[in-house]
Structure formats: C-alpha cells, structure tokens
Amino acid sequence: MEQSITIRNPTKIPCQVKTKTRYHGYSVPGKIDNAYGDDMEIATIKRCSIWIERDDEISYGQDEFKVSVWVLATTWGRYEDVVTIELHVGLDILPAIHIPLIIKAITFPIQYPLAKDVHKPTINFSLYSMESENRLQILNNSEIPIKISWRIYNESKENKPFGVLIDTLTPDYPDHWSLRITSYDGLENPRYFIIEPIILKLEPKTLGYVTFSLDRTKELSINRNKNNNIVNGKAVGIVTALEPSGKYCIRKDGFKMKSTVVKLYSETRHSIQPNLVIRESDNIFQVSASEMYNCRSENYTVTRLFTMCNDLQYPGNLSFEIGSPFSIKSLRSLRCGIRSGKDHIRLFHKDLVEIELQAIINIKQVHPPKMPTELISPRKFERTGYLNAVYENSYFKPKTIATFKMHIYFPVLKLSTSYINFGQVVVTETKSINVMLSSYPGPERFFARSADEVFTVSPPDGVASTRPTPLTITFKPKVDELYFKKIEILTTIPKDVIFLEVSGLGIK
C-alpha cells in the first residue's frame, strides 16, 4: 500500500533530503525495488514493514518534492510509526519534520473456504436428516498462529434484557480480553447446539475444523420460535494471536476485530407433527342392531383393518390413541412386523402401517331410538372416536389423524297401511286382506303375533327388506259382534315393535 507526502523546500538554496522511520531506519535512494524484494522475507517476520521512496535526492529552492511511504502488513492490528524528514543544507540541518504514521491492517484473519459466505457461514440442521453433525472448515489466513475461542448462545429473551459477549483487542498479549454489552439476548452455556473443540489453534496458512452438533435430548426444555419451531443460536468465535507481532513496527494497542459469528438454525424434531393419511374412504363401523342383540352376550365386538401412509420424511417413534368405544388391537408395518396390543411403532418415510381397530359395544349402554311415525331416515345409535398420533416427546399435543364412527342401525319397519277394516263377515267364515311390510335400511328378521285367534297373520315370521313383503291378515269371527284388535309386528330388538290395527263385524 502506498501513501504520498508532498513537502516544499522553504529555502532559496538547494538542500539534501533525508528520510527515516523510527523502527525501520533510513531508506536508500534509488534502491526501492531491491529493498522491497530483499525485505519480503524480513517483512513476513516483522508482520509490518515500511519503505520510503522519494523522487529526488536534491531539492532546489522553493521546489516541491514527494515522499512515498510503502507499507506491507501481514498480520491484522493497529501499527504506529513516525516518518522523519530532514533537510540538509551543507553542514547545517534544518529542524526535522515528524509525520506520524498510523496503519490499520483490517483483513479478517480467518475464513471459511467451503461456506457460501466465507466470512459469515450458516449451519442449518435439517429436520429430516439422520445426521446431527456439521463440520465447518476454517482457514488461518494470517502469518501468525492464532486461537479461536468459541461460545455458543441460544436465544432466550425471557431470561435477559441484554447479553454480554467476550471480545478481544487482539494485542501483543493474547490474554488481553474485554467485555462488550450487546442487544443480543442469550445464554452462554450451550443447551442445544454443541461445538468441538471449544478452543481451536491454527498455525499460519493452515486449515482446521470445528464440528457443530445437536443435543436433541434437550429439545423439550429449550426456547424456540413457536410459529415455526426453529431454534436459533450463534457460535461466537473470538480470535487472538498466539505470539507478538514482532520487534519492528510493534502494534501499539491492538486492533479491535469483530468476533467471528456462525449462525445456527435447527427445526426441532420434538416439534414435528405426524403426517399420516388413511387410505380407506369409509371410516364408519356399521353394526346391525339385530345382530348385536342376537349375539347373546353382554358385549358385542366388531373389528376393522385400516391402512395409513406416513408422508413425514423424518423417521421416528409414533404413539397412537383412540377414544371409546374404539381400541387399538394391533399395529403392523413391513419393517416392524405385527405389534399386537401395542399403541406405538417406528415409522419411516412412505411406510405403510396397518392399524386394526376394535369397537366393543356394551348392549346395556345402547338405547334404541323410537320408531319413527314416518319413514324419514334410518334409525341409528352413533358413537365417535378420534384417532390421535404423536411423535414421542413431541412439543405438540397429539394430532388427530382421522375420525371414526360407529353406527348401530335399528330397522325401520313400515306397513303399507296402519289400519284394516274387514267389514261384515259371517260367523265361521274367513276373509283375508294383504298388507305390505318393508324394512329399512336393509333386511331384518321380523315376528308377527295377534292377541287372539280371530285375526291371524301369515307368515308369522320372516325377513323383511326394502322390497315389500306381503303379509296376509285373516279375519274369522266366532260370534256376531264387533271386533277391534292390534297385531304386533316386531324384530329381535326388545321393545322395537309396530302395530297394525284391525277391525271387523261378525254376523249370523
């Protein structure tokens, strides 16, 4: 680097110009090229060297002359020196001119060659990666050995209104530390991000590595961004020199370098939610009330098998739960096989898992709905259960995967008419009329009975369905009087009955 100084000869007579620096000595006129080349190795040792070059050795009266100051600095820092210019007139020496030099070498001593930003790298831990380590390459780009002391900070705005970071002026004495208060909120003790080694020493122009890793066992206790569950952190590296800059052009007070910062991001695995898709479109357990009552047991059990696809890329252990009256009978996947009676299983991306759900119905807790007066919709007793899943130790509560329903269908018996009048029928003679019996939503076994033998039903039992079934009602009066009765038509379900009112007049 070159800086020029212009001086005017204040005398009216020629004079000789001589220059020197405090630490380097006199320059040699006309020898700058050789001096620069010969001193390259010396400059490396000195860390900072100065050469002085001037245009003319003899300056004539009232002339201006230029002095060029060249600097080669190989190590960062603040350096000070003084350029002394003397004008010699014969044997006399005019008062010397002292020009202070301040040199700031600001090149950052380290780089991260493989990072996108070689000065400010970012480490991002992938949620779906099985690896929890990232290696970062560091280059000591200076001419002296250095050490990098690391401290890791996790965001924790609830704990402190300000943060304190350790900084250094990187003077000749490497243990000269300073403190600075920053607006960054953090804790010094690592609780999630880990770096090894904490102190890294590097020789000049050599490469080293630091390894960042995660302690995922602490994901539940750390503070995170609740919107996207990202944990932010900073690895602050304080760079100091391991030896003085040299006896030539000594650094006076060091140069305050900003600490190197590595930004850290990680989406916590304990904050993820299951992403399971039920492949079956029908999640309803359909139970016939008649079958349930005919089982001759206090409890009726029905089982169905469903298939789920795991769309989440991160593998992990999932736990399932479902509400009454449902229970998980077994889980099965290709990798884990059948896990009978278990409610947790390990799944990988695109795994298919079969879940066998079982519904146990206590018949005493099922209350049959009333028979409708008109055929509007099937009668049913409905129960709902929610299948929830959660990754073990997840930050979230269990997520609902699917809703399952149990419908206990009670038949709706329907007669084509609710009243028959046979009119006058001679005693001991017979008259028959047909009515149509239907059952909704499907086939249902029925029974018909009459209070006496005057009115009879044929057939007395059978199966009714959505297609009407004929019932023959016969009237055979015994005496000459008016008859009025009710014929009961019922299913196997207790108290589930409809009535057909019949009447007729017996005559002689």
Protein backbone atom coordinates (compact mmCIF):
# COMPACT_ATOMS: atom_id res chain seq x y z
CA MET A 1 0.00 0.00 0.00
CA GLU A 2 1.33 3.47 -0.91
CA GLN A 3 0.72 6.94 0.55
CA SER A 4 2.45 10.09 -0.75
CA ILE A 5 3.64 13.09 1.28
CA THR A 6 4.35 16.39 -0.52
CA ILE A 7 6.94 18.77 1.05
CA ARG A 8 8.02 22.23 -0.10
CA ASN A 9 11.62 23.37 0.31
CA PRO A 10 11.24 26.57 2.35
CA THR A 11 14.75 27.82 1.50
CA LYS A 12 16.05 29.50 -1.64
CA ILE A 13 19.05 27.27 -1.86
CA PRO A 14 19.42 23.61 -2.79
CA CYS A 15 19.22 21.15 0.05
CA GLN A 16 19.57 17.43 0.54
CA VAL A 17 16.53 15.45 1.72
CA LYS A 18 16.96 12.56 4.14
CA THR A 19 14.10 10.39 5.49
CA LYS A 20 13.85 7.66 8.05
CA THR A 21 11.34 5.81 10.20
CA ARG A 22 11.61 5.02 13.88
CA TYR A 23 11.70 1.26 13.55
CA HIS A 24 12.98 0.69 10.04
CA GLY A 25 15.81 3.15 9.56
CA TYR A 26 16.94 5.26 6.64
CA SER A 27 15.75 4.49 3.18
CA VAL A 28 18.18 4.05 0.35
CA PRO A 29 17.52 6.41 -2.58
CA GLY A 30 17.06 4.68 -5.86
CA LYS A 31 17.15 1.25 -4.24
CA ILE A 32 13.42 0.79 -3.55
CA ASP A 33 12.95 -2.15 -5.90
CA ASN A 34 15.82 -4.08 -4.47
CA ALA A 35 14.92 -3.12 -0.92
CA TYR A 36 11.31 -4.26 -1.39
CA GLY A 37 12.33 -7.55 -2.91
CA ASP A 38 15.10 -8.28 -0.43
CA ASP A 39 12.92 -7.49 2.55
CA MET A 40 9.95 -9.71 1.68
CA GLU A 41 11.07 -12.48 4.00
CA ILE A 42 12.00 -10.00 6.71
CA ALA A 43 8.59 -8.36 6.37
CA THR A 44 6.92 -11.68 6.97
CA ILE A 45 8.77 -11.95 10.26
CA LYS A 46 8.17 -8.32 11.19
CA ARG A 47 4.44 -8.55 10.37
CA CYS A 48 4.55 -4.90 9.24
CA SER A 49 7.33 -3.19 7.26
CA ILE A 50 7.68 0.33 5.82
CA TRP A 51 9.68 1.51 2.82
CA ILE A 52 10.26 5.16 1.92
CA GLU A 53 10.84 6.34 -1.63
CA ARG A 54 11.43 9.95 -2.83
CA ASP A 55 11.63 11.37 -6.30
CA ASP A 56 14.79 13.48 -5.95
CA GLU A 57 17.65 13.49 -3.57
CA ILE A 58 18.44 17.19 -4.11
CA SER A 59 15.68 19.75 -3.74
CA TYR A 60 16.16 23.23 -5.09
CA GLY A 61 14.80 26.40 -3.62
CA GLN A 62 11.01 26.69 -3.38
CA ASP A 63 10.62 23.30 -5.09
CA GLU A 64 8.12 20.70 -4.01
CA PHE A 65 9.19 17.14 -3.55
CA LYS A 66 7.22 13.98 -2.91
CA VAL A 67 7.93 11.25 -0.42
CA SER A 68 6.18 7.87 -0.97
CA VAL A 69 5.59 5.63 2.01
CA TRP A 70 5.03 1.95 1.27
CA VAL A 71 3.56 -0.45 3.82
CA LEU A 72 3.42 -4.24 3.85
CA ALA A 73 1.36 -5.69 6.73
CA THR A 74 0.91 -9.43 7.06
CA THR A 75 -0.99 -9.53 10.36
CA TRP A 76 -4.05 -7.59 11.43
CA GLY A 77 -3.70 -4.88 14.03
CA ARG A 78 -3.04 -1.19 14.63
CA TYR A 79 0.54 -0.15 14.00
CA GLU A 80 2.25 3.19 14.66
CA ASP A 81 5.42 4.69 13.29
CA VAL A 82 6.92 8.10 12.55
CA VAL A 83 8.43 9.34 9.28
CA THR A 84 11.22 11.85 9.91
CA ILE A 85 12.22 14.21 7.09
CA GLU A 86 15.44 16.21 7.40
CA LEU A 87 16.67 18.93 5.06
CA HIS A 88 20.47 19.23 4.99
CA VAL A 89 21.96 22.49 3.72
CA GLY A 90 25.63 21.97 3.59
CA LEU A 91 26.66 21.15 7.13
CA ASP A 92 23.52 22.62 8.61
CA ILE A 93 20.36 20.63 9.35
CA LEU A 94 17.01 22.35 9.39
CA PRO A 95 14.52 21.35 12.13
CA ALA A 96 13.23 17.88 11.37
CA ILE A 97 9.68 17.28 10.22
CA HIS A 98 8.00 14.40 12.07
CA ILE A 99 4.96 12.87 10.42
CA PRO A 100 3.18 10.19 12.46
CA LEU A 101 2.01 7.06 10.64
CA ILE A 102 -0.99 5.06 11.75
CA ILE A 103 -1.52 1.76 9.96
CA LYS A 104 -4.67 -0.31 10.39
CA ALA A 105 -4.49 -3.77 8.91
CA ILE A 106 -8.12 -4.86 8.88
CA THR A 107 -8.10 -8.07 6.89
CA PHE A 108 -10.01 -10.65 8.88
CA PRO A 109 -7.59 -13.37 9.96
CA ILE A 110 -9.87 -16.36 9.32
CA GLN A 111 -12.06 -17.58 6.50
CA TYR A 112 -14.44 -20.47 5.95
CA PRO A 113 -13.42 -21.70 2.49
CA LEU A 114 -16.27 -24.16 1.92
CA ALA A 115 -19.06 -21.91 3.19
CA LYS A 116 -21.31 -19.89 0.87
CA ASP A 117 -20.21 -16.79 2.75
CA VAL A 118 -16.52 -17.29 3.51
CA HIS A 119 -16.68 -14.78 6.37
CA LYS A 120 -20.14 -15.38 7.90
CA PRO A 121 -21.17 -19.02 7.48
CA THR A 122 -24.52 -20.52 8.42
CA ILE A 123 -25.11 -24.00 9.81
CA ASN A 124 -28.60 -25.36 9.21
CA PHE A 125 -29.54 -28.70 10.71
CA SER A 126 -32.07 -30.45 8.53
CA LEU A 127 -35.14 -31.79 10.24
CA TYR A 128 -35.22 -34.89 8.05
CA SER A 129 -31.52 -35.71 8.20
CA MET A 130 -30.41 -38.65 10.27
CA GLU A 131 -27.15 -36.80 10.92
CA SER A 132 -26.89 -34.31 13.76
CA GLU A 133 -23.38 -33.07 12.95
CA ASN A 134 -21.96 -30.44 10.60
CA ARG A 135 -18.23 -29.87 10.08
CA LEU A 136 -17.03 -26.37 9.30
CA GLN A 137 -13.64 -25.79 7.68
CA ILE A 138 -11.60 -22.82 8.96
CA LEU A 139 -8.53 -21.25 7.35
CA ASN A 140 -5.97 -19.19 9.26
CA ASN A 141 -5.24 -16.60 6.59
CA SER A 142 -2.73 -14.67 8.70
CA GLU A 143 1.00 -15.00 9.14
CA ILE A 144 0.97 -15.89 12.82
CA PRO A 145 -0.54 -18.75 14.81
CA ILE A 146 -3.94 -17.97 16.28
CA LYS A 147 -6.54 -19.49 18.53
CA ILE A 148 -10.30 -19.28 18.24
CA SER A 149 -12.27 -19.49 21.49
CA TRP A 150 -15.91 -20.43 20.92
CA ARG A 151 -19.00 -19.65 22.89
CA ILE A 152 -22.47 -20.73 21.85
CA TYR A 153 -25.59 -18.71 22.56
CA ASN A 154 -29.18 -19.89 22.37
CA GLU A 155 -31.98 -17.37 22.12
CA SER A 156 -33.69 -16.85 25.42
CA LYS A 157 -35.44 -13.49 25.50
CA GLU A 158 -37.35 -14.44 28.62
CA ASN A 159 -34.18 -14.59 30.71
CA LYS A 160 -32.22 -11.42 29.99
CA PRO A 161 -32.91 -7.97 28.55
CA PHE A 162 -29.36 -7.80 27.22
CA GLY A 163 -26.41 -10.07 26.58
CA VAL A 164 -22.71 -9.88 27.38
CA LEU A 165 -20.19 -11.20 24.89
CA ILE A 166 -16.48 -11.63 25.45
CA ASP A 167 -14.40 -9.69 22.95
CA THR A 168 -10.71 -9.00 22.44
CA LEU A 169 -8.49 -6.27 21.07
CA THR A 170 -6.01 -8.90 19.84
CA PRO A 171 -2.96 -7.10 21.31
CA ASP A 172 0.53 -8.45 21.63
CA TYR A 173 -0.52 -10.18 24.84
CA PRO A 174 -3.09 -12.75 23.74
CA ASP A 175 -4.89 -12.88 27.10
CA HIS A 176 -5.97 -9.27 26.98
CA TRP A 177 -9.75 -9.68 27.00
CA SER A 178 -12.53 -7.13 27.06
CA LEU A 179 -16.28 -7.21 27.56
CA ARG A 180 -18.96 -5.57 25.47
CA ILE A 181 -22.67 -5.37 26.08
CA THR A 182 -24.82 -6.19 23.09
CA SER A 183 -28.51 -6.21 22.29
CA TYR A 184 -28.41 -9.94 21.63
CA ASP A 185 -30.29 -11.97 24.21
CA GLY A 186 -28.67 -15.24 25.02
CA LEU A 187 -27.18 -17.70 27.42
CA GLU A 188 -23.53 -18.63 27.35
CA ASN A 189 -23.89 -22.23 28.45
CA PRO A 190 -24.77 -24.43 25.47
CA ARG A 191 -28.03 -26.25 25.98
CA TYR A 192 -28.76 -27.49 22.48
CA PHE A 193 -26.02 -26.62 19.98
CA ILE A 194 -22.61 -28.08 20.76
CA ILE A 195 -19.23 -27.26 19.23
CA GLU A 196 -15.95 -29.18 19.41
CA PRO A 197 -13.27 -28.17 20.06
CA ILE A 198 -14.13 -25.17 22.19
CA ILE A 199 -10.64 -23.75 21.56
CA LEU A 200 -9.08 -24.29 18.15
CA LYS A 201 -5.42 -23.44 17.49
CA LEU A 202 -4.22 -22.91 13.94
CA GLU A 203 -0.74 -22.42 12.53
CA PRO A 204 -0.22 -19.77 9.82
CA LYS A 205 -1.91 -20.59 6.49
CA THR A 206 -3.31 -23.90 7.76
CA LEU A 207 -6.79 -25.40 7.81
CA GLY A 208 -8.73 -26.73 10.75
CA TYR A 209 -12.23 -27.97 11.52
CA VAL A 210 -14.88 -27.39 14.12
CA THR A 211 -17.84 -29.73 14.47
CA PHE A 212 -21.31 -28.50 15.36
CA SER A 213 -23.80 -30.99 16.72
CA LEU A 214 -27.16 -31.13 18.47
CA ASP A 215 -28.21 -32.44 21.84
CA ARG A 216 -31.73 -33.46 20.84
CA THR A 217 -32.49 -34.76 24.33
CA LYS A 218 -32.86 -31.13 25.42
CA GLU A 219 -35.30 -30.08 22.71
CA LEU A 220 -38.23 -30.11 25.11
CA SER A 221 -36.70 -27.58 27.50
CA ILE A 222 -35.22 -25.03 25.13
CA ASN A 223 -36.88 -21.85 23.96
CA ARG A 224 -37.98 -21.80 20.37
CA ASN A 225 -39.90 -19.76 17.88
CA LYS A 226 -43.43 -21.00 18.45
CA ASN A 227 -44.51 -20.09 14.91
CA ASN A 228 -42.15 -22.38 13.05
CA ASN A 229 -40.37 -24.19 15.90
CA ILE A 230 -36.96 -23.05 14.75
CA VAL A 231 -34.19 -22.87 17.34
CA ASN A 232 -31.78 -20.03 16.62
CA GLY A 233 -28.29 -19.86 18.01
CA LYS A 234 -24.98 -18.15 17.49
CA ALA A 235 -21.49 -19.56 17.77
CA VAL A 236 -19.23 -16.61 18.61
CA GLY A 237 -15.53 -17.19 17.91
CA ILE A 238 -13.00 -14.84 19.49
CA VAL A 239 -9.76 -14.76 17.52
CA THR A 240 -6.50 -13.94 19.30
CA ALA A 241 -2.85 -14.06 18.32
CA LEU A 242 -0.66 -16.67 19.94
CA GLU A 243 2.55 -14.58 19.65
CA PRO A 244 3.55 -10.90 19.45
CA SER A 245 3.74 -9.16 16.09
CA GLY A 246 7.49 -8.66 16.20
CA LYS A 247 10.04 -6.09 17.36
CA TYR A 248 9.70 -3.92 14.27
CA CYS A 249 6.72 -1.59 13.91
CA ILE A 250 5.05 -3.01 17.02
CA ARG A 251 1.29 -2.96 17.37
CA LYS A 252 0.57 -0.27 19.93
CA ASP A 253 -2.86 -1.14 21.22
CA GLY A 254 -4.02 -3.96 19.04
CA PHE A 255 -6.86 -3.63 16.57
CA LYS A 256 -10.38 -4.38 17.70
CA MET A 257 -11.66 -7.10 15.41
CA LYS A 258 -15.27 -8.13 15.41
CA SER A 259 -15.78 -11.63 16.68
CA THR A 260 -16.47 -14.22 14.04
CA VAL A 261 -20.08 -15.41 14.15
CA VAL A 262 -21.55 -18.65 12.85
CA LYS A 263 -25.35 -18.57 12.66
CA LEU A 264 -27.09 -21.75 13.75
CA TYR A 265 -30.58 -22.93 12.83
CA SER A 266 -32.39 -26.14 13.59
CA GLU A 267 -36.00 -27.19 13.33
CA THR A 268 -36.55 -29.31 16.40
CA ARG A 269 -37.56 -32.90 15.85
CA HIS A 270 -39.64 -32.78 19.01
CA SER A 271 -41.83 -30.11 17.44
CA ILE A 272 -42.92 -32.07 14.41
CA GLN A 273 -46.41 -33.40 13.90
CA PRO A 274 -47.41 -36.71 12.35
CA ASN A 275 -48.49 -36.67 8.74
CA LEU A 276 -50.46 -39.86 8.23
CA VAL A 277 -53.07 -40.42 5.56
CA ILE A 278 -55.82 -43.01 5.94
CA ARG A 279 -56.23 -44.79 2.62
CA GLU A 280 -59.79 -46.07 3.22
CA SER A 281 -62.54 -43.57 2.47
CA ASP A 282 -65.13 -45.26 4.71
CA ASN A 283 -64.33 -44.80 8.39
CA ILE A 284 -67.72 -45.95 9.67
CA PHE A 285 -68.26 -49.18 11.58
CA GLN A 286 -71.76 -50.29 10.55
CA VAL A 287 -73.48 -52.63 13.01
CA SER A 288 -76.89 -54.22 12.70
CA ALA A 289 -78.83 -53.87 15.93
CA SER A 290 -80.45 -57.26 15.39
CA GLU A 291 -77.07 -58.96 15.02
CA MET A 292 -75.89 -57.21 18.14
CA TYR A 293 -78.87 -58.40 20.20
CA ASN A 294 -78.67 -61.90 18.74
CA CYS A 295 -75.07 -62.37 19.90
CA ARG A 296 -76.41 -63.42 23.31
CA SER A 297 -73.59 -61.66 25.11
CA GLU A 298 -73.37 -58.50 27.16
CA ASN A 299 -70.70 -57.08 24.84
CA TYR A 300 -70.65 -57.08 21.06
CA THR A 301 -67.32 -56.73 19.25
CA VAL A 302 -66.61 -55.56 15.70
CA THR A 303 -63.15 -55.21 14.14
CA ARG A 304 -61.86 -53.42 11.03
CA LEU A 305 -58.46 -53.05 9.41
CA PHE A 306 -57.24 -49.69 8.07
CA THR A 307 -54.09 -48.69 6.21
CA MET A 308 -52.15 -45.47 6.79
CA CYS A 309 -49.29 -43.96 4.77
CA ASN A 310 -46.59 -41.99 6.59
CA ASP A 311 -45.85 -38.89 4.50
CA LEU A 312 -43.48 -37.32 7.01
CA GLN A 313 -39.86 -37.64 5.88
CA TYR A 314 -38.38 -37.81 9.35
CA PRO A 315 -38.42 -41.32 10.86
CA GLY A 316 -39.48 -41.67 14.45
CA ASN A 317 -41.50 -43.49 17.07
CA LEU A 318 -45.20 -42.74 16.93
CA SER A 319 -47.75 -43.33 19.62
CA PHE A 320 -51.45 -43.73 18.86
CA GLU A 321 -54.53 -43.33 20.98
CA ILE A 322 -58.23 -43.50 20.23
CA GLY A 323 -61.26 -42.79 22.32
CA SER A 324 -64.03 -45.14 23.48
CA PRO A 325 -65.66 -47.32 22.25
CA PHE A 326 -62.67 -47.96 19.98
CA SER A 327 -59.36 -49.52 20.90
CA ILE A 328 -56.19 -50.44 19.02
CA LYS A 329 -55.94 -54.19 18.66
CA SER A 330 -52.69 -54.30 16.69
CA LEU A 331 -50.25 -52.30 14.57
CA ARG A 332 -48.27 -53.69 11.68
CA SER A 333 -45.65 -52.34 9.29
CA LEU A 334 -43.28 -54.01 6.86
CA ARG A 335 -40.17 -53.14 8.91
CA CYS A 336 -41.56 -53.69 12.40
CA GLY A 337 -43.98 -56.55 11.75
CA ILE A 338 -47.05 -57.04 13.93
CA ARG A 339 -47.15 -55.33 17.30
CA SER A 340 -50.15 -56.90 18.98
CA GLY A 341 -51.78 -54.89 21.68
CA LYS A 342 -49.30 -52.03 21.18
CA ASP A 343 -50.09 -48.41 20.54
CA HIS A 344 -46.65 -47.26 19.34
CA ILE A 345 -44.49 -48.14 16.36
CA ARG A 346 -41.45 -46.77 14.48
CA LEU A 347 -42.20 -45.46 11.01
CA PHE A 348 -40.09 -44.25 8.13
CA HIS A 349 -40.94 -42.07 5.16
CA LYS A 350 -43.64 -43.62 2.93
CA ASP A 351 -44.10 -46.54 5.29
CA LEU A 352 -47.47 -48.24 5.22
CA VAL A 353 -48.84 -49.18 8.59
CA GLU A 354 -51.92 -51.29 9.19
CA ILE A 355 -53.94 -50.45 12.24
CA GLU A 356 -56.56 -52.87 13.47
CA LEU A 357 -59.30 -51.06 15.33
CA GLN A 358 -61.77 -52.80 17.54
CA ALA A 359 -65.08 -51.47 18.80
CA ILE A 360 -66.60 -53.09 21.89
CA ILE A 361 -70.25 -52.30 22.49
CA ASN A 362 -71.93 -52.78 25.82
CA ILE A 363 -75.52 -53.64 24.86
CA LYS A 364 -76.90 -52.27 28.13
CA GLN A 365 -75.49 -48.83 27.23
CA VAL A 366 -77.24 -48.74 23.83
CA HIS A 367 -80.65 -47.18 23.97
CA PRO A 368 -82.83 -47.98 20.94
CA PRO A 369 -84.30 -44.88 19.35
CA LYS A 370 -88.03 -44.62 18.94
CA MET A 371 -89.72 -45.98 15.86
CA PRO A 372 -90.45 -43.02 13.57
CA THR A 373 -94.01 -42.33 12.56
CA GLU A 374 -92.86 -41.63 9.03
CA LEU A 375 -90.01 -43.05 7.01
CA ILE A 376 -87.51 -40.21 7.04
CA SER A 377 -84.10 -41.79 7.64
CA PRO A 378 -82.72 -44.96 9.17
CA ARG A 379 -82.63 -45.07 12.90
CA LYS A 380 -79.13 -45.30 14.32
CA PHE A 381 -77.19 -45.07 17.54
CA GLU A 382 -73.95 -43.16 16.87
CA ARG A 383 -70.61 -43.03 18.68
CA THR A 384 -67.48 -41.16 17.59
CA GLY A 385 -63.80 -41.81 18.32
CA TYR A 386 -60.76 -39.75 17.28
CA LEU A 387 -57.52 -41.46 16.31
CA ASN A 388 -54.66 -39.30 17.55
CA ALA A 389 -50.95 -39.72 16.91
CA VAL A 390 -47.91 -38.02 18.39
CA TYR A 391 -44.18 -38.37 17.99
CA GLU A 392 -42.64 -39.39 21.27
CA ASN A 393 -41.57 -36.39 23.39
CA SER A 394 -43.13 -34.06 20.86
CA TYR A 395 -43.55 -30.42 21.72
CA PHE A 396 -47.08 -30.59 20.30
CA LYS A 397 -50.11 -32.29 21.69
CA PRO A 398 -51.38 -35.37 19.84
CA LYS A 399 -52.67 -34.62 16.37
CA THR A 400 -55.96 -36.02 15.12
CA ILE A 401 -55.29 -38.34 12.20
CA ALA A 402 -58.84 -39.48 11.43
CA THR A 403 -62.34 -39.59 12.84
CA PHE A 404 -64.03 -42.98 13.18
CA LYS A 405 -67.71 -43.52 13.76
CA MET A 406 -69.81 -46.45 14.84
CA HIS A 407 -73.38 -46.60 13.56
CA ILE A 408 -75.72 -49.14 15.12
CA TYR A 409 -78.60 -49.34 12.69
CA PHE A 410 -82.05 -50.09 14.04
CA PRO A 411 -84.54 -51.25 11.41
CA VAL A 412 -87.42 -49.04 10.41
CA LEU A 413 -90.42 -51.31 9.80
CA LYS A 414 -93.07 -49.85 7.56
CA LEU A 415 -96.55 -51.19 6.71
CA SER A 416 -98.40 -50.18 3.61
CA THR A 417 -101.31 -49.28 5.91
CA SER A 418 -101.75 -48.98 9.63
CA TYR A 419 -105.46 -49.93 9.74
CA ILE A 420 -107.64 -52.64 8.13
CA ASN A 421 -111.45 -52.88 8.36
CA PHE A 422 -112.82 -56.26 7.21
CA GLY A 423 -116.43 -55.07 7.29
CA GLN A 424 -119.17 -57.68 7.85
CA VAL A 425 -118.12 -61.30 7.83
CA VAL A 426 -120.41 -64.25 8.50
CA VAL A 427 -119.52 -66.15 11.62
CA THR A 428 -117.24 -69.15 10.91
CA GLU A 429 -116.39 -67.74 7.50
CA THR A 430 -112.99 -66.26 6.62
CA LYS A 431 -111.87 -63.10 4.89
CA SER A 432 -108.25 -62.20 4.10
CA ILE A 433 -106.56 -58.92 3.18
CA ASN A 434 -102.90 -58.44 2.23
CA VAL A 435 -100.64 -55.66 3.57
CA MET A 436 -97.05 -54.95 2.58
CA LEU A 437 -94.20 -54.90 5.11
CA SER A 438 -90.86 -53.22 4.40
CA SER A 439 -87.64 -52.84 6.40
CA TYR A 440 -85.12 -50.00 6.07
CA PRO A 441 -82.22 -49.73 5.55
CA GLY A 442 -81.98 -53.43 4.77
CA PRO A 443 -83.10 -56.97 5.55
CA GLU A 444 -84.43 -57.50 9.03
CA ARG A 445 -85.98 -60.52 10.68
CA PHE A 446 -89.48 -59.91 11.99
CA PHE A 447 -92.13 -61.64 14.09
CA ALA A 448 -95.91 -61.09 14.00
CA ARG A 449 -98.39 -62.00 16.69
CA SER A 450 -102.07 -61.47 17.39
CA ALA A 451 -103.85 -61.24 20.74
CA ASP A 452 -106.42 -63.97 19.79
CA GLU A 453 -107.27 -66.39 17.02
CA VAL A 454 -109.88 -64.15 15.36
CA PHE A 455 -107.15 -62.28 13.49
CA THR A 456 -104.14 -64.23 12.22
CA VAL A 457 -101.02 -63.31 10.28
CA SER A 458 -99.30 -65.34 7.63
CA PRO A 459 -96.40 -65.83 7.62
CA PRO A 460 -95.93 -65.33 11.36
CA ASP A 461 -92.18 -64.62 10.89
CA GLY A 462 -89.73 -63.99 8.12
CA VAL A 463 -87.31 -61.44 6.71
CA ALA A 464 -88.42 -58.02 5.55
CA SER A 465 -86.31 -55.81 3.29
CA THR A 466 -86.54 -52.69 1.22
CA ARG A 467 -88.53 -54.74 -1.25
CA PRO A 468 -92.05 -55.04 0.25
CA THR A 469 -93.01 -58.43 1.69
CA PRO A 470 -96.75 -59.41 1.64
CA LEU A 471 -98.45 -60.26 4.91
CA THR A 472 -101.85 -61.98 4.78
CA ILE A 473 -104.19 -60.88 7.55
CA THR A 474 -107.18 -63.25 8.07
CA PHE A 475 -110.42 -62.45 9.92
CA LYS A 476 -112.57 -65.36 11.17
CA PRO A 477 -115.26 -64.15 13.61
CA LYS A 478 -116.58 -66.58 16.21
CA VAL A 479 -119.70 -64.73 17.24
CA ASP A 480 -121.79 -61.89 15.94
CA GLU A 481 -120.07 -58.89 17.48
CA LEU A 482 -117.69 -56.07 16.60
CA TYR A 483 -114.00 -56.97 16.84
CA PHE A 484 -111.19 -54.43 17.28
CA LYS A 485 -107.61 -55.61 17.90
CA LYS A 486 -103.95 -54.77 17.35
CA ILE A 487 -101.50 -57.05 15.60
CA GLU A 488 -97.88 -56.67 16.77
CA ILE A 489 -95.00 -56.82 14.29
CA LEU A 490 -91.64 -56.74 15.98
CA THR A 491 -87.96 -57.54 15.44
CA THR A 492 -85.47 -59.28 17.71
CA ILE A 493 -84.70 -55.90 19.29
CA PRO A 494 -86.55 -55.56 22.60
CA LYS A 495 -89.47 -53.14 22.60
CA ASP A 496 -88.98 -52.46 18.92
CA VAL A 497 -92.50 -53.02 17.63
CA ILE A 498 -95.09 -51.55 15.24
CA PHE A 499 -98.83 -52.19 15.29
CA LEU A 500 -101.48 -52.97 12.70
CA GLU A 501 -104.96 -52.06 13.87
CA VAL A 502 -107.68 -54.42 12.57
CA SER A 503 -111.44 -54.46 12.97
CA GLY A 504 -114.41 -56.41 11.69
CA LEU A 505 -118.09 -57.23 12.39
CA GLY A 506 -119.20 -60.81 12.83
CA ILE A 507 -122.78 -61.56 11.66
CA LYS A 508 -125.05 -64.65 11.50
